[in-house]
Protein backbone atom coordinates (compact mmCIF):
# COMPACT_ATOMS: atom_id res chain seq x y z
CA MET A 1 123.01 95.10 114.71
CA ILE A 2 125.41 95.50 117.62
CA THR A 3 125.49 92.13 119.37
CA LEU A 4 123.05 91.92 122.28
CA SER A 5 121.78 88.97 124.29
CA LEU A 6 118.07 88.25 124.63
CA ALA A 7 118.40 89.07 128.33
CA GLU A 8 119.89 92.48 127.50
CA ILE A 9 117.15 93.14 124.95
CA ALA A 10 114.45 92.24 127.48
CA ASP A 11 116.00 94.65 129.96
CA ILE A 12 116.25 97.46 127.38
CA VAL A 13 112.65 97.19 126.18
CA GLY A 14 111.10 96.31 129.54
CA GLY A 15 109.99 92.94 128.22
CA ARG A 16 109.36 89.53 129.76
CA PRO A 17 111.41 86.53 128.56
CA HIS A 18 109.29 83.54 127.49
CA ASP A 19 110.47 80.07 126.48
CA ILE A 20 114.11 81.17 126.39
CA PRO A 21 116.33 78.25 127.47
CA ASP A 22 119.48 80.39 127.45
CA PRO A 23 118.96 84.15 127.97
CA SER A 24 122.63 84.77 127.17
CA VAL A 25 122.19 83.74 123.53
CA CYS A 26 122.94 86.75 121.35
CA VAL A 27 121.27 88.41 118.39
CA THR A 28 124.03 88.70 115.80
CA GLY A 29 121.93 89.31 112.69
CA PRO A 30 119.45 91.96 111.59
CA VAL A 31 116.17 92.83 113.25
CA VAL A 32 113.42 92.14 110.69
CA ARG A 33 109.63 92.28 110.48
CA ASP A 34 109.29 90.19 107.31
CA SER A 35 109.67 86.46 107.89
CA ARG A 36 111.23 86.11 104.43
CA GLU A 37 114.17 88.29 105.52
CA VAL A 38 115.19 86.10 108.46
CA VAL A 39 118.78 84.86 108.48
CA PRO A 40 120.65 82.98 111.22
CA GLY A 41 121.07 85.23 114.25
CA SER A 42 118.09 87.48 113.46
CA LEU A 43 115.54 88.93 115.85
CA PHE A 44 112.02 88.82 114.39
CA ALA A 45 109.63 91.65 115.33
CA ALA A 46 106.08 90.31 115.20
CA PHE A 47 103.50 92.88 114.15
CA ALA A 48 99.78 92.16 114.17
CA GLY A 49 98.36 93.78 111.03
CA ALA A 50 94.87 93.97 109.61
CA ARG A 51 95.47 91.00 107.29
CA VAL A 52 98.66 89.31 108.51
CA ASP A 53 99.76 88.60 112.07
CA GLY A 54 103.51 88.14 112.40
CA HIS A 55 103.01 86.06 115.54
CA ASP A 56 101.67 83.27 113.33
CA TYR A 57 105.15 82.93 111.76
CA ALA A 58 107.09 82.67 115.04
CA ALA A 59 107.87 78.96 114.79
CA ASP A 60 108.86 79.30 111.13
CA VAL A 61 111.33 82.14 111.73
CA VAL A 62 113.02 80.36 114.62
CA ALA A 63 113.33 77.25 112.45
CA ALA A 64 114.94 79.48 109.82
CA GLY A 65 117.57 80.65 112.28
CA ALA A 66 116.05 83.57 114.20
CA VAL A 67 117.36 83.74 117.78
CA GLY A 68 113.98 84.85 119.05
CA VAL A 69 110.87 86.95 118.56
CA LEU A 70 109.88 90.38 119.85
CA ALA A 71 106.18 89.76 120.46
CA SER A 72 103.08 91.02 122.22
CA ARG A 73 102.16 87.55 123.50
CA PRO A 74 103.85 84.18 124.12
CA VAL A 75 104.37 82.30 120.84
CA GLY A 76 105.77 78.94 121.91
CA VAL A 77 109.35 79.75 120.88
CA PRO A 78 112.01 82.00 122.46
CA ALA A 79 110.47 85.44 122.76
CA VAL A 80 110.71 88.77 124.53
CA VAL A 81 107.09 89.69 125.25
CA VAL A 82 106.18 93.38 125.46
CA ASP A 83 103.00 95.41 125.69
CA ASP A 84 103.68 97.38 122.50
CA VAL A 85 105.98 95.96 119.80
CA PRO A 86 106.49 99.24 117.86
CA ARG A 87 107.45 101.13 121.03
CA ALA A 88 109.74 98.32 122.14
CA LEU A 89 111.39 98.37 118.73
CA GLY A 90 111.93 102.11 119.14
CA ALA A 91 113.44 101.66 122.60
CA LEU A 92 115.82 99.03 121.24
CA ALA A 93 116.86 101.34 118.40
CA ARG A 94 117.48 104.19 120.84
CA ALA A 95 119.74 102.00 122.98
CA VAL A 96 121.69 100.67 120.00
CA VAL A 97 122.17 104.14 118.52
CA ARG A 98 123.66 105.36 121.81
CA ARG A 99 126.28 102.61 121.60
CA LEU A 100 127.10 103.09 117.93
CA GLY A 101 129.14 106.27 118.02
CA ALA A 102 127.96 107.05 114.48
CA THR A 103 126.95 110.52 113.28
CA LEU A 104 123.20 110.63 112.73
CA VAL A 105 121.86 112.74 109.87
CA ALA A 106 118.08 113.17 109.71
CA LEU A 107 116.11 114.90 106.99
CA THR A 108 112.53 115.86 106.33
CA GLY A 109 110.51 117.98 103.91
CA SER A 110 107.35 117.95 101.85
CA ALA A 111 109.04 116.79 98.65
CA GLY A 112 112.32 115.22 97.64
CA LYS A 113 113.10 113.46 100.95
CA THR A 114 113.89 110.08 99.47
CA SER A 115 115.91 111.38 96.53
CA THR A 116 117.93 113.65 98.81
CA LYS A 117 118.47 110.91 101.38
CA ASP A 118 119.81 108.70 98.59
CA LEU A 119 122.17 111.48 97.46
CA ILE A 120 123.46 112.12 100.98
CA ALA A 121 124.10 108.41 101.45
CA GLN A 122 125.94 108.04 98.16
CA VAL A 123 128.18 110.99 98.96
CA LEU A 124 128.94 110.07 102.58
CA ARG A 125 129.71 106.44 101.83
CA ARG A 126 132.71 107.72 99.87
CA LYS A 127 134.11 108.86 103.22
CA ALA A 128 133.09 106.08 105.62
CA PRO A 129 130.67 103.14 106.09
CA THR A 130 127.13 104.50 105.84
CA VAL A 131 123.67 103.08 106.53
CA TRP A 132 120.55 104.80 105.22
CA THR A 133 116.79 104.43 105.08
CA PRO A 134 115.77 101.98 102.32
CA GLY A 135 113.10 103.44 100.06
CA SER A 136 110.67 105.56 102.07
CA LEU A 137 110.56 103.57 105.32
CA ASN A 138 110.46 106.80 107.30
CA ASN A 139 107.93 106.13 110.06
CA GLU A 140 107.98 104.80 113.64
CA ILE A 141 108.59 101.26 112.36
CA GLY A 142 110.86 101.78 109.36
CA LEU A 143 113.15 104.22 111.12
CA PRO A 144 114.07 101.92 114.06
CA LEU A 145 114.56 98.99 111.68
CA THR A 146 117.01 101.08 109.66
CA ALA A 147 118.89 102.18 112.77
CA LEU A 148 119.09 98.57 113.96
CA SER A 149 120.71 97.53 110.69
CA ALA A 150 123.81 99.58 111.57
CA THR A 151 126.92 97.79 112.83
CA GLY A 152 129.94 98.72 114.89
CA GLU A 153 131.67 99.82 111.66
CA THR A 154 128.93 102.27 110.71
CA ARG A 155 130.10 105.89 110.84
CA PHE A 156 127.15 107.69 109.24
CA LEU A 157 123.48 106.89 109.72
CA VAL A 158 121.19 108.77 107.31
CA LEU A 159 117.53 108.67 108.30
CA GLU A 160 114.52 110.01 106.44
CA MET A 161 111.73 111.24 108.71
CA GLY A 162 108.12 111.59 107.61
CA ALA A 163 105.22 113.20 109.43
CA ARG A 164 101.46 112.95 109.23
CA GLY A 165 100.80 115.24 112.15
CA ILE A 166 102.26 117.52 114.79
CA GLY A 167 104.56 115.62 117.14
CA HIS A 168 105.47 112.79 114.76
CA ILE A 169 108.96 114.02 113.92
CA ARG A 170 109.65 114.95 117.52
CA TYR A 171 108.87 111.33 118.48
CA LEU A 172 111.17 109.96 115.77
CA THR A 173 114.03 112.17 116.95
CA GLN A 174 113.60 110.73 120.45
CA LEU A 175 114.19 107.26 119.00
CA THR A 176 117.25 108.23 116.97
CA PRO A 177 118.57 111.65 118.07
CA PRO A 178 120.32 113.31 115.11
CA ARG A 179 123.34 115.60 115.25
CA VAL A 180 122.69 117.00 111.77
CA GLY A 181 119.14 117.88 110.72
CA VAL A 182 118.07 118.83 107.20
CA VAL A 183 114.77 120.50 106.22
CA LEU A 184 114.24 120.61 102.47
CA ASN A 185 110.99 122.48 101.91
CA VAL A 186 107.45 123.12 103.09
CA GLY A 187 104.91 122.30 100.40
CA SER A 188 101.41 120.94 99.94
CA ALA A 189 101.96 117.25 100.70
CA HIS A 190 99.34 116.14 103.28
CA ILE A 191 97.96 119.68 103.48
CA GLY A 192 94.48 118.20 103.84
CA GLU A 193 95.59 116.47 107.04
CA PHE A 194 97.66 119.31 108.49
CA GLY A 195 95.31 122.16 107.59
CA GLY A 196 97.81 124.55 106.03
CA ARG A 197 101.46 125.23 105.22
CA GLU A 198 102.08 126.93 108.55
CA GLN A 199 101.05 123.73 110.33
CA ILE A 200 103.28 121.70 108.01
CA ALA A 201 106.17 124.04 108.82
CA GLN A 202 105.46 123.59 112.52
CA ALA A 203 105.68 119.81 112.15
CA LYS A 204 108.82 119.79 109.96
CA GLY A 205 110.58 122.26 112.24
CA GLU A 206 110.40 119.84 115.13
CA LEU A 207 113.52 118.29 113.65
CA VAL A 208 115.71 121.35 114.19
CA GLU A 209 114.22 122.03 117.63
CA THR A 210 115.57 118.71 118.88
CA LEU A 211 119.15 119.11 117.57
CA PRO A 212 122.05 119.52 120.01
CA PRO A 213 123.29 123.10 120.53
CA ALA A 214 126.05 124.42 118.31
CA GLU A 215 128.69 123.97 121.01
CA ALA A 216 127.80 120.26 121.14
CA GLY A 217 128.12 119.87 117.36
CA GLY A 218 124.50 120.31 116.31
CA VAL A 219 123.99 121.50 112.72
CA ALA A 220 120.71 122.57 111.09
CA VAL A 221 120.89 122.47 107.28
CA LEU A 222 118.09 124.68 105.94
CA ASN A 223 116.83 125.68 102.50
CA ALA A 224 117.59 129.37 102.00
CA ASP A 225 115.16 129.52 99.06
CA ASP A 226 112.10 128.49 101.08
CA PRO A 227 110.97 131.26 103.48
CA LEU A 228 109.14 128.87 105.80
CA VAL A 229 112.22 126.68 106.12
CA ARG A 230 114.63 129.57 106.47
CA ALA A 231 112.51 130.92 109.33
CA MET A 232 113.28 127.73 111.27
CA SER A 233 116.69 129.25 112.06
CA ALA A 234 114.99 130.89 115.03
CA ARG A 235 113.76 127.54 116.35
CA THR A 236 117.09 125.80 116.84
CA ARG A 237 120.12 125.99 119.13
CA ALA A 238 122.21 124.27 116.47
CA ARG A 239 124.53 126.07 114.09
CA VAL A 240 122.61 126.97 110.92
CA VAL A 241 123.95 126.22 107.44
CA LEU A 242 121.92 127.50 104.50
CA PHE A 243 121.80 125.87 101.06
CA GLY A 244 120.14 127.05 97.87
CA GLU A 245 120.56 129.38 94.94
CA SER A 246 120.27 132.50 97.09
CA ASP A 247 123.40 134.65 97.35
CA GLU A 248 123.10 134.31 101.12
CA ALA A 249 123.34 130.51 101.05
CA ASP A 250 126.50 129.02 102.54
CA VAL A 251 126.39 126.16 100.01
CA ARG A 252 124.90 127.30 96.73
CA ALA A 253 124.53 126.60 93.04
CA GLU A 254 125.62 129.03 90.37
CA ASN A 255 125.15 128.90 86.61
CA VAL A 256 122.36 126.31 86.85
CA ARG A 257 121.39 124.90 83.47
CA LEU A 258 119.65 121.89 81.96
CA LEU A 259 121.66 119.90 79.46
CA PRO A 260 120.01 118.33 76.40
CA GLY A 261 117.97 115.42 77.73
CA GLY A 262 117.05 117.10 81.01
CA ARG A 263 120.05 116.55 83.27
CA PRO A 264 121.08 119.57 85.38
CA ALA A 265 124.57 121.02 85.70
CA PHE A 266 125.84 123.79 87.95
CA LEU A 267 128.81 125.23 89.80
CA LEU A 268 128.85 124.10 93.42
CA ARG A 269 130.16 126.84 95.71
CA ALA A 270 130.93 126.24 99.39
CA PRO A 271 132.98 128.13 101.99
CA SER A 272 136.06 126.05 101.11
CA GLY A 273 135.88 126.42 97.32
CA CYS A 274 133.91 125.51 94.21
CA SER A 275 133.63 122.69 91.68
CA ASP A 276 131.48 121.74 88.69
CA VAL A 277 128.65 119.21 89.06
CA THR A 278 126.71 117.39 86.34
CA LEU A 279 123.99 115.21 87.77
CA ARG A 280 122.91 111.87 86.36
CA LEU A 281 119.41 112.58 87.67
CA TYR A 282 116.72 114.24 85.57
CA GLY A 283 115.10 117.59 86.32
CA GLU A 284 116.20 120.94 87.70
CA HIS A 285 114.51 120.20 91.04
CA HIS A 286 117.37 117.83 91.85
CA VAL A 287 119.74 120.81 92.11
CA SER A 288 118.22 121.75 95.47
CA ASN A 289 118.42 118.11 96.61
CA ALA A 290 122.08 117.96 95.59
CA LEU A 291 122.85 121.19 97.45
CA ALA A 292 121.34 119.77 100.64
CA ALA A 293 123.54 116.69 100.27
CA ALA A 294 126.58 118.86 99.57
CA ALA A 295 125.94 120.96 102.67
CA VAL A 296 125.76 117.87 104.87
CA ALA A 297 128.90 116.33 103.37
CA HIS A 298 130.81 119.61 103.66
CA GLU A 299 129.90 119.86 107.34
CA LEU A 300 131.12 116.31 107.87
CA GLY A 301 134.55 117.00 106.47
CA MET A 302 134.45 116.24 102.74
CA SER A 303 136.14 118.57 100.26
CA VAL A 304 134.19 120.36 97.56
CA ASP A 305 135.93 118.34 94.84
CA GLU A 306 135.09 115.07 96.59
CA ILE A 307 131.47 116.13 96.95
CA ALA A 308 131.17 117.26 93.34
CA THR A 309 132.60 113.98 92.07
CA ALA A 310 130.27 111.93 94.27
CA LEU A 311 127.21 113.95 93.24
CA SER A 312 128.09 113.66 89.56
CA GLU A 313 128.31 109.87 89.85
CA ALA A 314 125.25 109.37 92.08
CA GLY A 315 122.23 107.59 90.66
CA THR A 316 118.71 106.65 91.69
CA LEU A 317 118.64 104.15 94.55
CA SER A 318 114.89 104.03 95.23
CA ARG A 319 112.32 102.72 92.77
CA TRP A 320 109.75 104.70 90.80
CA ARG A 321 111.38 108.10 91.28
CA MET A 322 112.22 109.57 87.88
CA GLU A 323 113.27 106.08 86.79
CA VAL A 324 114.21 106.53 83.12
CA THR A 325 114.22 103.54 80.77
CA GLU A 326 114.51 103.57 76.98
CA ARG A 327 112.74 100.75 75.18
CA PRO A 328 114.36 99.00 72.22
CA ASP A 329 111.95 100.82 69.90
CA GLY A 330 113.17 104.24 71.08
CA VAL A 331 110.28 105.10 73.43
CA THR A 332 111.48 106.45 76.79
CA ILE A 333 109.45 105.68 79.93
CA VAL A 334 109.89 107.93 82.99
CA ASN A 335 108.43 106.11 85.99
CA ASP A 336 107.93 108.72 88.74
CA ALA A 337 104.83 107.04 90.10
CA TYR A 338 105.87 106.44 93.71
CA ASN A 339 104.07 109.54 94.96
CA ALA A 340 102.92 113.01 93.98
CA ASN A 341 102.06 116.41 95.39
CA PRO A 342 101.70 119.74 93.59
CA GLU A 343 105.37 120.66 93.96
CA SER A 344 106.74 117.32 92.78
CA MET A 345 104.18 117.18 89.96
CA ARG A 346 105.29 120.56 88.64
CA ALA A 347 108.96 119.56 88.92
CA ALA A 348 108.33 116.32 87.01
CA LEU A 349 106.46 118.15 84.24
CA ARG A 350 109.32 120.63 83.83
CA ALA A 351 111.76 117.72 83.67
CA LEU A 352 109.58 116.07 81.01
CA ALA A 353 109.54 119.29 78.98
CA ALA A 354 113.34 119.49 79.17
CA MET A 355 113.76 115.85 78.21
CA GLY A 356 111.39 116.36 75.32
CA THR A 357 113.47 119.08 73.67
CA ALA A 358 115.82 116.59 72.05
CA ALA A 359 113.03 114.10 71.41
CA GLU A 360 110.86 116.61 69.59
CA ALA A 361 113.77 117.63 67.39
CA ALA A 362 113.81 114.02 66.18
CA GLY A 363 110.05 113.82 65.72
CA GLY A 364 109.15 112.44 69.14
CA ARG A 365 106.48 113.70 71.51
CA THR A 366 106.12 114.17 75.26
CA TRP A 367 103.34 112.38 77.14
CA ALA A 368 102.26 113.26 80.68
CA VAL A 369 100.29 110.33 82.12
CA LEU A 370 99.04 111.77 85.39
CA GLY A 371 96.77 110.55 88.17
CA PRO A 372 95.36 112.02 91.36
CA MET A 373 97.32 113.81 94.06
CA ALA A 374 95.97 112.65 97.41
CA GLU A 375 95.42 114.40 100.75
CA LEU A 376 95.03 117.95 99.41
CA GLY A 377 91.77 118.66 101.20
CA GLY A 378 90.05 121.80 100.02
CA GLU A 379 92.97 122.63 97.72
CA ALA A 380 92.43 119.55 95.55
CA LEU A 381 90.40 121.07 92.73
CA ALA A 382 92.61 124.15 92.34
CA GLU A 383 95.85 122.16 92.48
CA HIS A 384 94.76 119.55 89.92
CA ASP A 385 93.47 122.30 87.65
CA ALA A 386 96.81 124.12 87.95
CA VAL A 387 98.79 121.02 87.01
CA GLY A 388 96.64 120.49 83.92
CA ARG A 389 97.22 124.11 82.92
CA LEU A 390 100.97 123.81 83.47
CA ALA A 391 101.18 120.82 81.14
CA VAL A 392 99.78 123.02 78.37
CA ARG A 393 102.03 125.96 79.19
CA LEU A 394 105.07 123.69 79.01
CA ASN A 395 103.95 122.48 75.57
CA VAL A 396 103.68 118.86 76.69
CA SER A 397 102.42 117.10 73.57
CA LYS A 398 99.84 114.81 75.18
CA LEU A 399 98.17 114.73 78.60
CA VAL A 400 96.51 111.50 79.71
CA ALA A 401 94.58 112.03 82.97
CA VAL A 402 93.93 108.71 84.68
CA GLY A 403 91.23 108.04 87.26
CA GLY A 404 88.06 109.61 88.59
CA ARG A 405 87.15 113.09 89.81
CA GLU A 406 90.70 114.41 90.36
CA ALA A 407 91.76 113.24 86.91
CA SER A 408 88.81 115.07 85.37
CA TRP A 409 90.07 118.23 87.07
CA LEU A 410 93.50 117.71 85.50
CA GLN A 411 91.92 117.38 82.07
CA LEU A 412 89.64 120.37 82.69
CA GLY A 413 92.63 122.54 83.60
CA ALA A 414 94.33 121.60 80.34
CA TYR A 415 91.14 122.29 78.41
CA ASN A 416 90.68 125.70 80.00
CA GLU A 417 94.28 126.58 79.20
CA GLY A 418 93.69 125.91 75.52
CA SER A 419 94.04 122.16 74.99
CA TRP A 420 90.85 121.76 72.96
CA GLY A 421 91.84 119.08 70.49
CA GLU A 422 93.37 115.66 71.06
CA GLU A 423 96.20 117.03 73.20
CA SER A 424 94.50 115.92 76.41
CA VAL A 425 92.28 112.97 77.25
CA HIS A 426 90.65 111.58 80.40
CA VAL A 427 90.61 107.79 80.83
CA SER A 428 88.93 105.81 83.59
CA ASP A 429 91.76 103.62 84.81
CA ALA A 430 95.28 102.34 84.28
CA GLN A 431 94.27 99.63 81.83
CA ALA A 432 92.58 102.19 79.58
CA ALA A 433 95.73 104.30 79.70
CA VAL A 434 97.90 101.31 78.74
CA ASP A 435 95.61 100.44 75.84
CA LEU A 436 95.72 104.04 74.58
CA LEU A 437 99.46 104.33 74.85
CA ARG A 438 100.13 101.01 73.15
CA ARG A 439 98.12 102.21 70.18
CA GLU A 440 99.62 105.68 70.01
CA LEU A 441 103.28 105.60 71.07
CA ARG A 442 105.94 105.87 68.42
CA PRO A 443 109.77 105.87 68.44
CA GLY A 444 111.23 108.96 70.08
CA ASP A 445 108.31 109.58 72.42
CA VAL A 446 108.97 110.32 76.11
CA VAL A 447 106.30 109.20 78.61
CA LEU A 448 106.09 110.48 82.19
CA VAL A 449 103.93 108.45 84.61
CA LYS A 450 103.13 110.14 87.92
CA ALA A 451 100.46 110.11 90.64
CA SER A 452 100.05 109.60 94.36
CA ARG A 453 101.03 106.15 95.57
CA SER A 454 97.43 105.10 96.18
CA ALA A 455 96.71 105.34 92.44
CA GLY A 456 99.17 102.55 91.59
CA LEU A 457 100.15 104.07 88.24
CA GLU A 458 103.58 102.43 88.36
CA ARG A 459 101.71 99.53 86.76
CA ILE A 460 101.28 101.60 83.63
CA ALA A 461 105.03 102.08 83.33
CA GLU A 462 105.67 98.42 84.05
CA ALA A 463 103.15 97.34 81.43
CA LEU A 464 104.68 99.64 78.81
CA LEU A 465 108.12 98.21 79.54
CA ALA A 466 106.99 94.58 79.51
CA ARG A 467 107.52 92.58 76.32
CA THR A 468 104.02 91.17 76.60
CA GLY A 469 101.36 93.12 78.41
CA PRO A 470 99.35 91.91 81.38
CA ALA A 471 95.88 90.57 81.02
CA GLU A 472 92.88 92.80 81.49
CA GLY A 473 92.58 93.86 85.10
CA GLN A 474 96.20 93.29 86.06
CA VAL A 475 96.94 97.00 85.79
CA ALA A 476 93.55 98.23 86.87
CA GLY A 477 93.59 101.45 88.86
CA ARG A 478 93.33 101.09 92.60
């Protein structure tokens, strides 16, 4: 973080210094909320959770080198005491961002946020020092912590923004005002909470509404292939740049194709030229993500050739997102279990089908090990049924539906589409799925594991990759 004294921090956040012998002592390290991440010079933000209260670790973090604690009550060590730690953290981030001079890029969407954020970061860091959201820490706590990890050398700050309701993204943009805003898509994620796609579009579009006007450098990067996103052009004062496969897109993909094994390739065309891209990522859905990253990088001064090279060399930075690992016995495990919604589930199944083409030629099979998609409200039955049907239409060899009611709907969809034999099966939990797969897998098989985060199906992938499996109950479904 930019160096600030405890007195300056107290002034910024409206806090009260407590037990601070020397208010001029400076925070020179990162701002952290996990006591295990403290290093000399850190500022520790103490959050009171349902099970763990960070205030209880105040003495320990100061002993480990923290300069002080951002707390909601006196803790017996140097502290800046505030009424609301999350809001104080946000105020501190806002002040630091103003001093940085870095270009802020923010992105949102129903699916693909984390993968696209990782691509943008990997491309931009070729040009200048870049800081980006780790994993999916995209809320009112994770976003300020990411911003506060930037230094005076940082030139690009890439921030993922999530929303669970109207007004959430608007609040995040107040903490870290972006100059470039990216909206990827409007899908079904959290539709049960929002009430419909129009409401989701309203929430996601808050990002472009808060951008600076075009004459001040504001840029809205919008998906030309998604009508609800494209319509956001009318909601922004920023200059609009469209990406997609549409002929009207400013940055677009031509000649899109899947190579043997499931990796996409295409011709990247931008206003300044064109260049070939072959992604290391799996699945055609990553073409749209790559185009969003290319549009951002092009706007920030990178050449098409530089962008194409960076995209072609970019990998997966965040865990459990189409993480592909081949076992010594020739079985390939695709761990995409971080989260799931109807759009990402369909994309993963199509990627599995593409990856299976080469495997099936050598006698292998494709396995879709799927769990529930959460927060779909009244759409849940229809969406799970549709995913089960799609698995059959894509000729996925085996469907293993894991869990309770939603999993039964997945299996029912497959059955109604014509999977009447042993092509689909419903198991009660993750352990049952692991037991089944250990018995049945053979060299050449490709196994996709995917569900909403709450299902915890990443444990299936981890068990299948472990040399010795966990004991009964260690991979039990949540």
